[in-house]
């Protein structure tokens, strides 16, 4: 048994040779998200300023919109190429925190409201007394009822097969789920960096070390 465990440990240790794939995966996941959102903000800048000012009630909405747009565009491309990753993670982390507390916090955790309490994360959290879990389960029941009614209406009065051809009908909850997930990923990149080999940071650092 000890020999088997030692062998498994050797395999795990050997995997460290490709540990650069983990930060690469995070970067390649996050980069298109931030680039796309940044481009949207840049091409609809006046609308974003109005949203920041009147819906989110943020101070200095033009400045805040500019900073968010710049952080997402510059940060997205920096993540893509692995350039100054730990540095650009900082404004992106701040952007995610602002998004969480200004736009999503009041809506709870879920980005899309779960309609089945039996498969909801709250099903696991409710028995241990996690705040809001019981209420979330009850909300799931009500969401399911509303979705069933919406489907009935669409089947009766609409072309249901065409309407759902690209995906199921859902109720958008707009909670912190996605922003919090991106925040965790950015925090990971802040602490571990861009990774070896497939990042500009690695080659710049290597050249600098060699020069020293």
C-alpha atoms as a PDB file:
ATOM      1  CA  UNK A   1       0.000   0.000   0.000  1.00  0.00           C
ATOM      2  CA  UNK A   2       2.831   2.401   0.904  1.00  0.00           C
ATOM      3  CA  UNK A   3       4.555   1.585  -2.382  1.00  0.00           C
ATOM      4  CA  UNK A   4       1.389   2.411  -4.334  1.00  0.00           C
ATOM      5  CA  UNK A   5       0.964   5.717  -2.506  1.00  0.00           C
ATOM      6  CA  UNK A   6       4.613   6.593  -3.160  1.00  0.00           C
ATOM      7  CA  UNK A   7       4.134   5.815  -6.845  1.00  0.00           C
ATOM      8  CA  UNK A   8       1.051   8.012  -7.006  1.00  0.00           C
ATOM      9  CA  UNK A   9       2.980  10.787  -5.270  1.00  0.00           C
ATOM     10  CA  UNK A  10       5.740  10.455  -7.885  1.00  0.00           C
ATOM     11  CA  UNK A  11       3.128  10.856 -10.622  1.00  0.00           C
ATOM     12  CA  UNK A  12       1.730  13.960  -8.918  1.00  0.00           C
ATOM     13  CA  UNK A  13       5.216  15.410  -8.542  1.00  0.00           C
ATOM     14  CA  UNK A  14       5.914  14.743 -12.231  1.00  0.00           C
ATOM     15  CA  UNK A  15       2.812  16.768 -13.111  1.00  0.00           C
ATOM     16  CA  UNK A  16       4.546  19.850 -11.724  1.00  0.00           C
ATOM     17  CA  UNK A  17       6.536  19.945 -14.964  1.00  0.00           C
ATOM     18  CA  UNK A  18       3.372  21.115 -16.745  1.00  0.00           C
ATOM     19  CA  UNK A  19       1.995  23.298 -13.953  1.00  0.00           C
ATOM     20  CA  UNK A  20       2.247  26.298 -16.302  1.00  0.00           C
ATOM     21  CA  UNK A  21      -0.932  25.017 -17.958  1.00  0.00           C
ATOM     22  CA  UNK A  22      -3.028  26.086 -14.945  1.00  0.00           C
ATOM     23  CA  UNK A  23      -2.340  29.855 -15.129  1.00  0.00           C
ATOM     24  CA  UNK A  24      -2.476  29.613 -18.926  1.00  0.00           C
ATOM     25  CA  UNK A  25      -5.979  28.137 -18.693  1.00  0.00           C
ATOM     26  CA  UNK A  26      -7.068  30.921 -16.331  1.00  0.00           C
ATOM     27  CA  UNK A  27      -5.658  33.578 -18.649  1.00  0.00           C
ATOM     28  CA  UNK A  28      -7.243  32.118 -21.773  1.00  0.00           C
ATOM     29  CA  UNK A  29     -10.576  31.819 -20.003  1.00  0.00           C
ATOM     30  CA  UNK A  30     -10.596  35.357 -18.630  1.00  0.00           C
ATOM     31  CA  UNK A  31      -9.012  37.241 -21.543  1.00  0.00           C
ATOM     32  CA  UNK A  32     -11.906  36.985 -24.048  1.00  0.00           C
ATOM     33  CA  UNK A  33     -14.414  37.750 -21.270  1.00  0.00           C
ATOM     34  CA  UNK A  34     -12.754  41.047 -20.382  1.00  0.00           C
ATOM     35  CA  UNK A  35     -11.916  41.976 -23.982  1.00  0.00           C
ATOM     36  CA  UNK A  36     -15.524  41.449 -25.079  1.00  0.00           C
ATOM     37  CA  UNK A  37     -16.970  43.380 -22.129  1.00  0.00           C
ATOM     38  CA  UNK A  38     -14.394  46.156 -22.577  1.00  0.00           C
ATOM     39  CA  UNK A  39     -15.188  46.491 -26.278  1.00  0.00           C
ATOM     40  CA  UNK A  40     -18.888  46.675 -25.476  1.00  0.00           C
ATOM     41  CA  UNK A  41     -18.261  49.455 -22.970  1.00  0.00           C
ATOM     42  CA  UNK A  42     -16.031  51.328 -25.429  1.00  0.00           C
ATOM     43  CA  UNK A  43     -18.594  51.176 -28.252  1.00  0.00           C
ATOM     44  CA  UNK A  44     -21.520  52.071 -25.981  1.00  0.00           C
ATOM     45  CA  UNK A  45     -19.681  54.470 -23.720  1.00  0.00           C
ATOM     46  CA  UNK A  46     -22.495  57.030 -23.316  1.00  0.00           C
ATOM     47  CA  UNK A  47     -24.931  54.291 -22.310  1.00  0.00           C
ATOM     48  CA  UNK A  48     -22.428  52.904 -19.794  1.00  0.00           C
ATOM     49  CA  UNK A  49     -21.949  56.356 -18.259  1.00  0.00           C
ATOM     50  CA  UNK A  50     -25.731  56.749 -17.906  1.00  0.00           C
ATOM     51  CA  UNK A  51     -26.017  53.274 -16.355  1.00  0.00           C
ATOM     52  CA  UNK A  52     -23.244  54.053 -13.872  1.00  0.00           C
ATOM     53  CA  UNK A  53     -24.833  57.389 -12.985  1.00  0.00           C
ATOM     54  CA  UNK A  54     -28.551  56.643 -12.810  1.00  0.00           C
ATOM     55  CA  UNK A  55     -28.847  52.895 -12.185  1.00  0.00           C
ATOM     56  CA  UNK A  56     -25.753  52.152 -10.093  1.00  0.00           C
ATOM     57  CA  UNK A  57     -25.493  55.713  -8.693  1.00  0.00           C
ATOM     58  CA  UNK A  58     -21.703  55.633  -8.809  1.00  0.00           C
ATOM     59  CA  UNK A  59     -19.735  58.846  -8.179  1.00  0.00           C
ATOM     60  CA  UNK A  60     -17.884  60.414 -11.129  1.00  0.00           C
ATOM     61  CA  UNK A  61     -19.644  58.138 -13.627  1.00  0.00           C
ATOM     62  CA  UNK A  62     -17.613  59.250 -16.663  1.00  0.00           C
ATOM     63  CA  UNK A  63     -14.329  58.607 -14.897  1.00  0.00           C
ATOM     64  CA  UNK A  64     -15.562  55.304 -13.481  1.00  0.00           C
ATOM     65  CA  UNK A  65     -16.772  54.187 -16.900  1.00  0.00           C
ATOM     66  CA  UNK A  66     -13.442  55.117 -18.483  1.00  0.00           C
ATOM     67  CA  UNK A  67     -11.449  53.292 -15.800  1.00  0.00           C
ATOM     68  CA  UNK A  68     -13.611  50.175 -16.066  1.00  0.00           C
ATOM     69  CA  UNK A  69     -13.349  50.173 -19.863  1.00  0.00           C
ATOM     70  CA  UNK A  70      -9.584  50.689 -19.809  1.00  0.00           C
ATOM     71  CA  UNK A  71      -9.054  48.041 -17.127  1.00  0.00           C
ATOM     72  CA  UNK A  72     -11.071  45.449 -19.035  1.00  0.00           C
ATOM     73  CA  UNK A  73      -9.597  46.160 -22.467  1.00  0.00           C
ATOM     74  CA  UNK A  74      -5.958  46.586 -21.453  1.00  0.00           C
ATOM     75  CA  UNK A  75      -6.229  43.878 -18.827  1.00  0.00           C
ATOM     76  CA  UNK A  76      -7.882  41.447 -21.214  1.00  0.00           C
ATOM     77  CA  UNK A  77      -5.136  41.742 -23.815  1.00  0.00           C
ATOM     78  CA  UNK A  78      -2.445  41.637 -21.111  1.00  0.00           C
ATOM     79  CA  UNK A  79      -3.901  38.391 -19.800  1.00  0.00           C
ATOM     80  CA  UNK A  80      -4.030  36.986 -23.316  1.00  0.00           C
ATOM     81  CA  UNK A  81      -0.325  37.546 -23.898  1.00  0.00           C
ATOM     82  CA  UNK A  82       0.731  36.992 -20.316  1.00  0.00           C
ATOM     83  CA  UNK A  83       2.163  40.482 -19.929  1.00  0.00           C
ATOM     84  CA  UNK A  84       2.341  42.165 -16.492  1.00  0.00           C
ATOM     85  CA  UNK A  85      -0.294  39.711 -15.322  1.00  0.00           C
ATOM     86  CA  UNK A  86       0.131  40.294 -11.600  1.00  0.00           C
ATOM     87  CA  UNK A  87      -0.042  44.069 -12.124  1.00  0.00           C
ATOM     88  CA  UNK A  88      -3.105  44.098 -14.394  1.00  0.00           C
ATOM     89  CA  UNK A  89      -4.885  41.700 -12.043  1.00  0.00           C
ATOM     90  CA  UNK A  90      -5.117  44.504  -9.477  1.00  0.00           C
ATOM     91  CA  UNK A  91      -7.390  46.916 -11.442  1.00  0.00           C
ATOM     92  CA  UNK A  92      -9.404  43.954 -12.713  1.00  0.00           C
ATOM     93  CA  UNK A  93      -9.906  42.726  -9.147  1.00  0.00           C
ATOM     94  CA  UNK A  94     -11.062  46.213  -8.164  1.00  0.00           C
ATOM     95  CA  UNK A  95     -13.428  46.266 -11.146  1.00  0.00           C
ATOM     96  CA  UNK A  96     -14.931  42.941 -10.074  1.00  0.00           C
ATOM     97  CA  UNK A  97     -15.359  44.163  -6.497  1.00  0.00           C
ATOM     98  CA  UNK A  98     -17.152  47.291  -7.710  1.00  0.00           C
ATOM     99  CA  UNK A  99     -19.383  45.142  -9.936  1.00  0.00           C
ATOM    100  CA  UNK A 100     -20.172  42.748  -7.090  1.00  0.00           C
ATOM    101  CA  UNK A 101     -21.166  45.408  -4.572  1.00  0.00           C
ATOM    102  CA  UNK A 102     -22.784  47.943  -6.909  1.00  0.00           C
ATOM    103  CA  UNK A 103     -24.598  45.839  -9.502  1.00  0.00           C
ATOM    104  CA  UNK A 104     -25.058  42.286  -8.198  1.00  0.00           C
ATOM    105  CA  UNK A 105     -24.938  42.130  -4.400  1.00  0.00           C
ATOM    106  CA  UNK A 106     -28.637  42.737  -3.775  1.00  0.00           C
ATOM    107  CA  UNK A 107     -29.528  39.834  -6.090  1.00  0.00           C
ATOM    108  CA  UNK A 108     -27.756  37.165  -4.072  1.00  0.00           C
ATOM    109  CA  UNK A 109     -25.366  34.543  -5.398  1.00  0.00           C
ATOM    110  CA  UNK A 110     -26.904  32.981  -8.504  1.00  0.00           C
ATOM    111  CA  UNK A 111     -26.464  34.500 -11.951  1.00  0.00           C
ATOM    112  CA  UNK A 112     -29.369  32.390 -13.223  1.00  0.00           C
ATOM    113  CA  UNK A 113     -32.084  31.593 -10.705  1.00  0.00           C
ATOM    114  CA  UNK A 114     -32.170  27.835 -10.004  1.00  0.00           C
ATOM    115  CA  UNK A 115     -35.600  26.372 -10.678  1.00  0.00           C
ATOM    116  CA  UNK A 116     -35.086  22.993  -8.982  1.00  0.00           C
ATOM    117  CA  UNK A 117     -34.334  23.078  -5.236  1.00  0.00           C
ATOM    118  CA  UNK A 118     -33.054  19.492  -5.403  1.00  0.00           C
ATOM    119  CA  UNK A 119     -30.116  20.476  -7.613  1.00  0.00           C
ATOM    120  CA  UNK A 120     -29.454  23.889  -6.074  1.00  0.00           C
ATOM    121  CA  UNK A 121     -26.216  24.599  -4.187  1.00  0.00           C
ATOM    122  CA  UNK A 122     -28.450  25.820  -1.367  1.00  0.00           C
ATOM    123  CA  UNK A 123     -29.594  22.211  -0.878  1.00  0.00           C
ATOM    124  CA  UNK A 124     -26.158  21.437   0.573  1.00  0.00           C
ATOM    125  CA  UNK A 125     -25.834  24.695   2.514  1.00  0.00           C
ATOM    126  CA  UNK A 126     -29.284  24.795   4.132  1.00  0.00           C
ATOM    127  CA  UNK A 127     -28.713  21.879   6.588  1.00  0.00           C
ATOM    128  CA  UNK A 128     -25.635  23.593   8.061  1.00  0.00           C
ATOM    129  CA  UNK A 129     -27.496  26.860   8.613  1.00  0.00           C
ATOM    130  CA  UNK A 130     -25.782  28.895   5.882  1.00  0.00           C
ATOM    131  CA  UNK A 131     -27.390  32.370   5.789  1.00  0.00           C
ATOM    132  CA  UNK A 132     -30.037  32.701   3.100  1.00  0.00           C
ATOM    133  CA  UNK A 133     -29.873  29.059   1.984  1.00  0.00           C
ATOM    134  CA  UNK A 134     -33.378  28.152   3.154  1.00  0.00           C
ATOM    135  CA  UNK A 135     -34.794  31.277   1.512  1.00  0.00           C
ATOM    136  CA  UNK A 136     -32.914  30.383  -1.670  1.00  0.00           C
ATOM    137  CA  UNK A 137     -34.535  26.944  -1.747  1.00  0.00           C
ATOM    138  CA  UNK A 138     -37.975  28.497  -1.359  1.00  0.00           C
ATOM    139  CA  UNK A 139     -37.122  30.948  -4.112  1.00  0.00           C
ATOM    140  CA  UNK A 140     -36.189  28.012  -6.354  1.00  0.00           C
ATOM    141  CA  UNK A 141     -39.653  26.540  -5.879  1.00  0.00           C
ATOM    142  CA  UNK A 142     -41.255  29.846  -6.869  1.00  0.00           C
ATOM    143  CA  UNK A 143     -38.898  30.245  -9.831  1.00  0.00           C
ATOM    144  CA  UNK A 144     -39.858  26.754 -11.010  1.00  0.00           C
ATOM    145  CA  UNK A 145     -43.551  27.629 -10.807  1.00  0.00           C
ATOM    146  CA  UNK A 146     -43.042  30.786 -12.840  1.00  0.00           C
ATOM    147  CA  UNK A 147     -40.962  28.975 -15.433  1.00  0.00           C
ATOM    148  CA  UNK A 148     -43.602  26.267 -15.800  1.00  0.00           C
ATOM    149  CA  UNK A 149     -46.233  28.966 -16.364  1.00  0.00           C
ATOM    150  CA  UNK A 150     -44.004  30.796 -18.864  1.00  0.00           C
ATOM    151  CA  UNK A 151     -43.433  27.557 -20.783  1.00  0.00           C
ATOM    152  CA  UNK A 152     -47.181  26.861 -20.872  1.00  0.00           C
ATOM    153  CA  UNK A 153     -47.815  30.331 -22.306  1.00  0.00           C
ATOM    154  CA  UNK A 154     -45.056  29.931 -24.901  1.00  0.00           C
ATOM    155  CA  UNK A 155     -46.304  26.494 -25.950  1.00  0.00           C
ATOM    156  CA  UNK A 156     -49.845  27.811 -26.330  1.00  0.00           C
ATOM    157  CA  UNK A 157     -49.175  31.138 -27.996  1.00  0.00           C
ATOM    158  CA  UNK A 158     -45.659  30.893 -29.439  1.00  0.00           C
ATOM    159  CA  UNK A 159     -43.432  28.648 -31.510  1.00  0.00           C
ATOM    160  CA  UNK A 160     -41.898  26.931 -28.475  1.00  0.00           C
ATOM    161  CA  UNK A 161     -39.519  24.681 -30.392  1.00  0.00           C
ATOM    162  CA  UNK A 162     -38.079  27.704 -32.246  1.00  0.00           C
ATOM    163  CA  UNK A 163     -37.944  29.861 -29.125  1.00  0.00           C
ATOM    164  CA  UNK A 164     -35.952  27.220 -27.229  1.00  0.00           C
ATOM    165  CA  UNK A 165     -33.855  26.028 -30.163  1.00  0.00           C
ATOM    166  CA  UNK A 166     -30.783  27.919 -28.893  1.00  0.00           C
ATOM    167  CA  UNK A 167     -31.299  27.145 -25.199  1.00  0.00           C
ATOM    168  CA  UNK A 168     -33.809  26.714 -22.419  1.00  0.00           C
ATOM    169  CA  UNK A 169     -35.957  29.489 -21.007  1.00  0.00           C
ATOM    170  CA  UNK A 170     -34.492  30.720 -17.707  1.00  0.00           C
ATOM    171  CA  UNK A 171     -35.037  33.483 -15.162  1.00  0.00           C
ATOM    172  CA  UNK A 172     -32.054  35.802 -14.909  1.00  0.00           C
ATOM    173  CA  UNK A 173     -31.145  36.475 -11.299  1.00  0.00           C
ATOM    174  CA  UNK A 174     -28.059  38.644 -12.008  1.00  0.00           C
ATOM    175  CA  UNK A 175     -26.364  37.690  -8.746  1.00  0.00           C
ATOM    176  CA  UNK A 176     -22.666  37.842  -7.907  1.00  0.00           C
ATOM    177  CA  UNK A 177     -21.850  34.311  -9.147  1.00  0.00           C
ATOM    178  CA  UNK A 178     -19.917  35.180 -12.320  1.00  0.00           C
ATOM    179  CA  UNK A 179     -18.194  38.264 -10.913  1.00  0.00           C
ATOM    180  CA  UNK A 180     -17.150  36.343  -7.790  1.00  0.00           C
ATOM    181  CA  UNK A 181     -15.820  33.486  -9.936  1.00  0.00           C
ATOM    182  CA  UNK A 182     -13.758  35.901 -12.032  1.00  0.00           C
ATOM    183  CA  UNK A 183     -12.530  37.529  -8.819  1.00  0.00           C
ATOM    184  CA  UNK A 184     -11.247  34.198  -7.466  1.00  0.00           C
ATOM    185  CA  UNK A 185      -9.512  33.458 -10.774  1.00  0.00           C
ATOM    186  CA  UNK A 186      -7.876  36.894 -10.812  1.00  0.00           C
ATOM    187  CA  UNK A 187      -6.712  36.480  -7.219  1.00  0.00           C
ATOM    188  CA  UNK A 188      -5.107  33.193  -8.219  1.00  0.00           C
ATOM    189  CA  UNK A 189      -3.262  34.868 -11.101  1.00  0.00           C
ATOM    190  CA  UNK A 190      -2.190  37.701  -8.817  1.00  0.00           C
ATOM    191  CA  UNK A 191      -0.480  35.268  -6.475  1.00  0.00           C
ATOM    192  CA  UNK A 192       0.958  32.741  -8.959  1.00  0.00           C
ATOM    193  CA  UNK A 193       1.616  34.972 -11.972  1.00  0.00           C
ATOM    194  CA  UNK A 194       1.286  34.270 -15.687  1.00  0.00           C
ATOM    195  CA  UNK A 195       3.056  30.915 -15.664  1.00  0.00           C
ATOM    196  CA  UNK A 196       6.153  29.591 -17.390  1.00  0.00           C
ATOM    197  CA  UNK A 197       6.974  29.335 -21.092  1.00  0.00           C
ATOM    198  CA  UNK A 198       3.746  30.624 -22.655  1.00  0.00           C
ATOM    199  CA  UNK A 199       3.766  34.157 -21.262  1.00  0.00           C
ATOM    200  CA  UNK A 200       5.652  37.376 -21.934  1.00  0.00           C
ATOM    201  CA  UNK A 201       6.299  37.736 -18.205  1.00  0.00           C
ATOM    202  CA  UNK A 202       8.290  34.508 -18.105  1.00  0.00           C
ATOM    203  CA  UNK A 203      10.620  35.454 -20.959  1.00  0.00           C
ATOM    204  CA  UNK A 204      11.060  39.039 -19.747  1.00  0.00           C
ATOM    205  CA  UNK A 205      11.924  37.806 -16.269  1.00  0.00           C
ATOM    206  CA  UNK A 206      14.294  35.193 -17.674  1.00  0.00           C
ATOM    207  CA  UNK A 207      16.101  37.759 -19.803  1.00  0.00           C
ATOM    208  CA  UNK A 208      16.356  40.119 -16.835  1.00  0.00           C
ATOM    209  CA  UNK A 209      17.734  37.394 -14.585  1.00  0.00           C
ATOM    210  CA  UNK A 210      20.289  36.397 -17.231  1.00  0.00           C
ATOM    211  CA  UNK A 211      21.336  40.030 -17.634  1.00  0.00           C
ATOM    212  CA  UNK A 212      21.971  40.256 -13.893  1.00  0.00           C
END
